[in-house]
C-alpha atoms as a PDB file:
ATOM      1  CA  MET A   1      28.898 -24.204  -1.872  1.00  0.00           C
ATOM      2  CA  PHE A   2      27.542 -20.690  -1.772  1.00  0.00           C
ATOM      3  CA  ALA A   3      24.343 -19.119  -0.590  1.00  0.00           C
ATOM      4  CA  THR A   4      23.115 -15.673  -1.516  1.00  0.00           C
ATOM      5  CA  ILE A   5      20.514 -13.919   0.576  1.00  0.00           C
ATOM      6  CA  TYR A   6      18.712 -11.224  -1.360  1.00  0.00           C
ATOM      7  CA  LEU A   7      16.315  -8.578  -0.059  1.00  0.00           C
ATOM      8  CA  PRO A   8      14.039  -7.616  -2.969  1.00  0.00           C
ATOM      9  CA  ASN A   9      13.301  -3.892  -3.254  1.00  0.00           C
ATOM     10  CA  PHE A  10      15.846  -3.280  -0.525  1.00  0.00           C
ATOM     11  CA  TYR A  11      15.562   0.517  -0.457  1.00  0.00           C
ATOM     12  CA  LEU A  12      11.760   0.371  -0.506  1.00  0.00           C
ATOM     13  CA  GLN A  13      11.723  -2.244   2.260  1.00  0.00           C
ATOM     14  CA  ALA A  14      13.849   0.028   4.422  1.00  0.00           C
ATOM     15  CA  ALA A  15      11.579   3.023   3.810  1.00  0.00           C
ATOM     16  CA  MET A  16       8.425   1.008   4.595  1.00  0.00           C
ATOM     17  CA  ARG A  17       9.780  -0.977   7.536  1.00  0.00           C
ATOM     18  CA  HIS A  18       7.500  -0.903  10.569  1.00  0.00           C
ATOM     19  CA  GLN A  19       4.642   0.531   8.479  1.00  0.00           C
ATOM     20  CA  PRO A  20       2.457  -2.536   7.844  1.00  0.00           C
ATOM     21  CA  GLU A  21      -0.446  -0.335   6.734  1.00  0.00           C
ATOM     22  CA  LEU A  22       1.515   0.471   3.540  1.00  0.00           C
ATOM     23  CA  ARG A  23       2.014  -3.159   2.463  1.00  0.00           C
ATOM     24  CA  THR A  24      -1.251  -3.344   0.511  1.00  0.00           C
ATOM     25  CA  GLN A  25      -1.134   0.212  -0.854  1.00  0.00           C
ATOM     26  CA  PRO A  26       0.722   1.320  -3.987  1.00  0.00           C
ATOM     27  CA  VAL A  27       4.081   2.704  -2.845  1.00  0.00           C
ATOM     28  CA  ALA A  28       6.935   4.177  -4.887  1.00  0.00           C
ATOM     29  CA  LEU A  29      10.372   5.268  -3.744  1.00  0.00           C
ATOM     30  CA  ILE A  30      12.325   8.257  -5.024  1.00  0.00           C
ATOM     31  CA  GLU A  31      15.938   9.303  -4.672  1.00  0.00           C
ATOM     32  CA  GLU A  32      15.492  12.856  -3.438  1.00  0.00           C
ATOM     33  CA  GLN A  33      19.154  13.821  -3.762  1.00  0.00           C
ATOM     34  CA  LYS A  34      18.896  13.919  -7.555  1.00  0.00           C
ATOM     35  CA  ASN A  35      18.233  17.143  -9.485  1.00  0.00           C
ATOM     36  CA  LYS A  36      15.030  15.629 -10.828  1.00  0.00           C
ATOM     37  CA  PRO A  37      13.667  13.000  -8.414  1.00  0.00           C
ATOM     38  CA  VAL A  38      12.455   9.864 -10.163  1.00  0.00           C
ATOM     39  CA  ILE A  39      11.040   6.582  -8.943  1.00  0.00           C
ATOM     40  CA  ILE A  40      13.786   4.026  -8.301  1.00  0.00           C
ATOM     41  CA  GLN A  41      11.730   1.212  -6.731  1.00  0.00           C
ATOM     42  CA  LEU A  42       8.048   0.387  -6.362  1.00  0.00           C
ATOM     43  CA  ASN A  43       5.889  -2.359  -4.960  1.00  0.00           C
ATOM     44  CA  HIS A  44       3.619  -4.684  -6.920  1.00  0.00           C
ATOM     45  CA  ALA A  45       0.488  -2.644  -6.146  1.00  0.00           C
ATOM     46  CA  ALA A  46       2.061   0.499  -7.645  1.00  0.00           C
ATOM     47  CA  GLU A  47       3.282  -1.410 -10.690  1.00  0.00           C
ATOM     48  CA  SER A  48      -0.204  -2.881 -11.209  1.00  0.00           C
ATOM     49  CA  ALA A  49      -1.613   0.662 -11.086  1.00  0.00           C
ATOM     50  CA  GLY A  50       0.615   1.712 -14.006  1.00  0.00           C
ATOM     51  CA  VAL A  51       3.467   3.348 -12.113  1.00  0.00           C
ATOM     52  CA  ARG A  52       6.943   2.609 -13.548  1.00  0.00           C
ATOM     53  CA  LYS A  53      10.565   3.151 -12.585  1.00  0.00           C
ATOM     54  CA  GLY A  54      11.970   6.380 -13.963  1.00  0.00           C
ATOM     55  CA  MET A  55       8.699   8.313 -13.604  1.00  0.00           C
ATOM     56  CA  THR A  56       8.618  11.551 -11.660  1.00  0.00           C
ATOM     57  CA  PRO A  57       6.373  11.684  -8.585  1.00  0.00           C
ATOM     58  CA  SER A  58       3.840  13.824 -10.474  1.00  0.00           C
ATOM     59  CA  GLN A  59       3.729  11.271 -13.322  1.00  0.00           C
ATOM     60  CA  ALA A  60       3.177   8.483 -10.786  1.00  0.00           C
ATOM     61  CA  LEU A  61       0.377  10.425  -9.118  1.00  0.00           C
ATOM     62  CA  ALA A  62      -1.220  11.030 -12.525  1.00  0.00           C
ATOM     63  CA  ARG A  63      -1.332   7.249 -13.025  1.00  0.00           C
ATOM     64  CA  CYS A  64      -2.524   6.475  -9.501  1.00  0.00           C
ATOM     65  CA  LEU A  65      -3.753   9.094  -7.035  1.00  0.00           C
ATOM     66  CA  ARG A  66      -3.425   6.586  -4.162  1.00  0.00           C
ATOM     67  CA  VAL A  67       0.304   5.997  -4.676  1.00  0.00           C
ATOM     68  CA  VAL A  68       2.376   6.839  -1.615  1.00  0.00           C
ATOM     69  CA  ILE A  69       5.696   8.471  -2.517  1.00  0.00           C
ATOM     70  CA  LYS A  70       8.492   7.690  -0.058  1.00  0.00           C
ATOM     71  CA  THR A  71      12.122   8.837   0.026  1.00  0.00           C
ATOM     72  CA  ARG A  72      15.150   6.700   0.800  1.00  0.00           C
ATOM     73  CA  GLU A  73      15.861   6.109   4.483  1.00  0.00           C
ATOM     74  CA  ARG A  74      19.636   5.627   4.649  1.00  0.00           C
ATOM     75  CA  PRO A  75      19.802   4.957   8.419  1.00  0.00           C
ATOM     76  CA  ARG A  76      17.160   2.236   8.036  1.00  0.00           C
ATOM     77  CA  GLU A  77      19.011   0.812   5.028  1.00  0.00           C
ATOM     78  CA  LYS A  78      22.156   0.551   7.119  1.00  0.00           C
ATOM     79  CA  SER A  79      20.227  -1.091   9.950  1.00  0.00           C
ATOM     80  CA  ILE A  80      18.603  -3.693   7.694  1.00  0.00           C
ATOM     81  CA  ASN A  81      21.928  -4.469   6.017  1.00  0.00           C
ATOM     82  CA  GLU A  82      23.530  -5.021   9.434  1.00  0.00           C
ATOM     83  CA  ILE A  83      20.681  -7.362  10.438  1.00  0.00           C
ATOM     84  CA  LEU A  84      21.177  -9.273   7.167  1.00  0.00           C
ATOM     85  CA  ILE A  85      24.912  -9.676   7.778  1.00  0.00           C
ATOM     86  CA  GLN A  86      24.395 -10.768  11.405  1.00  0.00           C
ATOM     87  CA  HIS A  87      21.983 -13.483  10.296  1.00  0.00           C
ATOM     88  CA  ALA A  88      24.320 -14.583   7.492  1.00  0.00           C
ATOM     89  CA  PHE A  89      27.121 -15.105  10.009  1.00  0.00           C
ATOM     90  CA  THR A  90      24.968 -17.739  11.718  1.00  0.00           C
ATOM     91  CA  LEU A  91      25.521 -19.881   8.607  1.00  0.00           C
ATOM     92  CA  SER A  92      29.251 -19.455   8.016  1.00  0.00           C
ATOM     93  CA  PRO A  93      32.220 -17.278   9.015  1.00  0.00           C
ATOM     94  CA  PHE A  94      32.793 -16.464   5.319  1.00  0.00           C
ATOM     95  CA  VAL A  95      30.285 -13.697   4.580  1.00  0.00           C
ATOM     96  CA  GLU A  96      30.481 -10.847   2.097  1.00  0.00           C
ATOM     97  CA  SER A  97      28.121  -7.920   1.852  1.00  0.00           C
ATOM     98  CA  THR A  98      27.975  -8.106  -1.939  1.00  0.00           C
ATOM     99  CA  ALA A  99      25.657  -5.149  -2.533  1.00  0.00           C
ATOM    100  CA  PRO A 100      22.992  -3.274  -0.584  1.00  0.00           C
ATOM    101  CA  GLY A 101      20.513  -5.949   0.445  1.00  0.00           C
ATOM    102  CA  VAL A 102      22.626  -8.799  -0.944  1.00  0.00           C
ATOM    103  CA  CYS A 103      24.856 -11.057   1.107  1.00  0.00           C
ATOM    104  CA  THR A 104      26.958 -13.948  -0.236  1.00  0.00           C
ATOM    105  CA  ILE A 105      27.967 -16.759   2.078  1.00  0.00           C
ATOM    106  CA  GLN A 106      30.697 -19.269   1.282  1.00  0.00           C
ATOM    107  CA  PHE A 107      30.787 -22.638   2.923  1.00  0.00           C
ATOM    108  CA  GLY A 108      34.092 -24.465   3.354  1.00  0.00           C
ATOM    109  CA  ARG A 109      35.201 -27.745   1.800  1.00  0.00           C
ATOM    110  CA  GLN A 110      34.532 -29.751   4.942  1.00  0.00           C
ATOM    111  CA  PRO A 111      30.985 -31.046   5.443  1.00  0.00           C
ATOM    112  CA  SER A 112      29.097 -27.919   6.274  1.00  0.00           C
ATOM    113  CA  ARG A 113      25.786 -26.714   7.530  1.00  0.00           C
ATOM    114  CA  LEU A 114      24.877 -26.026   3.894  1.00  0.00           C
ATOM    115  CA  SER A 115      25.088 -29.556   2.540  1.00  0.00           C
ATOM    116  CA  GLY A 116      21.896 -31.326   1.501  1.00  0.00           C
ATOM    117  CA  GLN A 117      18.592 -30.854   3.278  1.00  0.00           C
ATOM    118  CA  THR A 118      20.316 -29.537   6.396  1.00  0.00           C
ATOM    119  CA  GLY A 119      21.737 -26.605   4.437  1.00  0.00           C
ATOM    120  CA  PHE A 120      18.393 -25.861   2.866  1.00  0.00           C
ATOM    121  CA  ALA A 121      16.783 -25.991   6.321  1.00  0.00           C
ATOM    122  CA  ASN A 122      19.425 -23.691   7.847  1.00  0.00           C
ATOM    123  CA  VAL A 123      19.080 -21.105   5.073  1.00  0.00           C
ATOM    124  CA  SER A 124      15.273 -21.362   5.328  1.00  0.00           C
ATOM    125  CA  ARG A 125      15.565 -20.756   9.065  1.00  0.00           C
ATOM    126  CA  VAL A 126      17.516 -17.546   8.428  1.00  0.00           C
ATOM    127  CA  ILE A 127      14.887 -16.377   5.913  1.00  0.00           C
ATOM    128  CA  GLU A 128      12.193 -17.011   8.553  1.00  0.00           C
ATOM    129  CA  GLN A 129      14.201 -15.130  11.186  1.00  0.00           C
ATOM    130  CA  LEU A 130      14.531 -12.163   8.840  1.00  0.00           C
ATOM    131  CA  ALA A 131      10.750 -12.266   8.290  1.00  0.00           C
ATOM    132  CA  GLU A 132      10.305 -12.027  12.067  1.00  0.00           C
ATOM    133  CA  CYS A 133      12.352  -8.816  11.834  1.00  0.00           C
ATOM    134  CA  GLU A 134       9.886  -7.526   9.195  1.00  0.00           C
ATOM    135  CA  ILE A 135      12.396  -8.101   6.395  1.00  0.00           C
ATOM    136  CA  THR A 136      11.408  -9.950   3.225  1.00  0.00           C
ATOM    137  CA  ALA A 137      14.259 -12.109   1.970  1.00  0.00           C
ATOM    138  CA  GLN A 138      14.949 -14.760  -0.641  1.00  0.00           C
ATOM    139  CA  ALA A 139      17.910 -17.116  -0.863  1.00  0.00           C
ATOM    140  CA  GLY A 140      19.687 -19.190  -3.463  1.00  0.00           C
ATOM    141  CA  ILE A 141      22.085 -22.062  -2.835  1.00  0.00           C
ATOM    142  CA  ALA A 142      24.493 -23.303  -5.520  1.00  0.00           C
ATOM    143  CA  HIS A 143      28.026 -24.473  -6.183  1.00  0.00           C
ATOM    144  CA  LEU A 144      28.974 -21.104  -7.724  1.00  0.00           C
ATOM    145  CA  PRO A 145      28.315 -17.630  -6.291  1.00  0.00           C
ATOM    146  CA  ASP A 146      26.806 -16.275  -9.532  1.00  0.00           C
ATOM    147  CA  ALA A 147      24.378 -19.196  -9.742  1.00  0.00           C
ATOM    148  CA  SER A 148      23.368 -18.690  -6.108  1.00  0.00           C
ATOM    149  CA  PHE A 149      22.785 -14.992  -6.864  1.00  0.00           C
ATOM    150  CA  LEU A 150      20.472 -15.798  -9.796  1.00  0.00           C
ATOM    151  CA  ALA A 151      18.717 -18.488  -7.773  1.00  0.00           C
ATOM    152  CA  ALA A 152      18.109 -15.999  -4.954  1.00  0.00           C
ATOM    153  CA  HIS A 153      16.362 -13.628  -7.364  1.00  0.00           C
ATOM    154  CA  LEU A 154      14.063 -16.425  -8.537  1.00  0.00           C
ATOM    155  CA  ALA A 155      13.552 -18.110  -5.145  1.00  0.00           C
ATOM    156  CA  GLN A 156      10.243 -18.261  -3.321  1.00  0.00           C
ATOM    157  CA  PRO A 157      11.767 -18.020  -0.689  1.00  0.00           C
ATOM    158  CA  VAL A 158      14.680 -20.529  -0.968  1.00  0.00           C
ATOM    159  CA  LEU A 159      15.932 -22.263  -4.102  1.00  0.00           C
ATOM    160  CA  GLN A 160      18.783 -24.775  -4.182  1.00  0.00           C
ATOM    161  CA  ILE A 161      20.512 -25.408  -7.506  1.00  0.00           C
ATOM    162  CA  ASP A 162      22.415 -28.661  -7.865  1.00  0.00           C
ATOM    163  CA  ASP A 163      23.065 -28.442 -11.618  1.00  0.00           C
ATOM    164  CA  ALA A 164      23.775 -24.906 -12.839  1.00  0.00           C
ATOM    165  CA  LYS A 165      23.547 -25.868 -16.536  1.00  0.00           C
ATOM    166  CA  LYS A 166      20.041 -27.298 -16.123  1.00  0.00           C
ATOM    167  CA  PHE A 167      19.035 -24.251 -14.092  1.00  0.00           C
ATOM    168  CA  LEU A 168      20.426 -21.663 -16.524  1.00  0.00           C
ATOM    169  CA  ALA A 169      19.416 -23.302 -19.829  1.00  0.00           C
ATOM    170  CA  PRO A 170      15.678 -22.421 -19.811  1.00  0.00           C
ATOM    171  CA  LEU A 171      16.115 -18.911 -18.405  1.00  0.00           C
ATOM    172  CA  PRO A 172      15.472 -15.964 -20.725  1.00  0.00           C
ATOM    173  CA  ILE A 173      18.562 -13.883 -21.465  1.00  0.00           C
ATOM    174  CA  GLU A 174      17.018 -10.899 -19.607  1.00  0.00           C
ATOM    175  CA  THR A 175      17.338 -12.879 -16.370  1.00  0.00           C
ATOM    176  CA  LEU A 176      21.118 -12.758 -16.672  1.00  0.00           C
ATOM    177  CA  ALA A 177      20.987  -8.947 -16.501  1.00  0.00           C
ATOM    178  CA  ILE A 178      19.736  -9.074 -12.882  1.00  0.00           C
ATOM    179  CA  GLY A 179      21.874  -6.935 -10.660  1.00  0.00           C
ATOM    180  CA  ILE A 180      23.550  -4.978 -13.442  1.00  0.00           C
END
């Protein structure tokens, strides 16, 4: 069994961490080290206001004057990733930092803390602990790491997949491009 813990809008979460006043406002994140800074992540409020990824800050402001433009906070990103990994290790000794804001956990062949309702409860507990750290997380549990990764992206906040074929069959093909 595998579990994937996924932090949606990881870079934006890091930039907004400890700023609860921004959670309801439209916020967009730029990569300032590029020649032409463009928006790389945005929250739902900014998206609802017409802001899109790939826009320049001035284009975003033209769509929504209230949008807050933030830049990446690499030290905070590192800190949040370390918190994620520490919490993942409470589930299993087999943890991989798969990507920024994504952690894959493998559970051994012996009966583990991930089997059945107990596993779901343990992963849910970790998601709750991350929330206490002001980190929004989602998790997927499945027999294959790729299926757990997809489940994590669709979870609200934890989704366990017992039959990957049944889970994958109704999904639109665009869903399979997650993470590319």
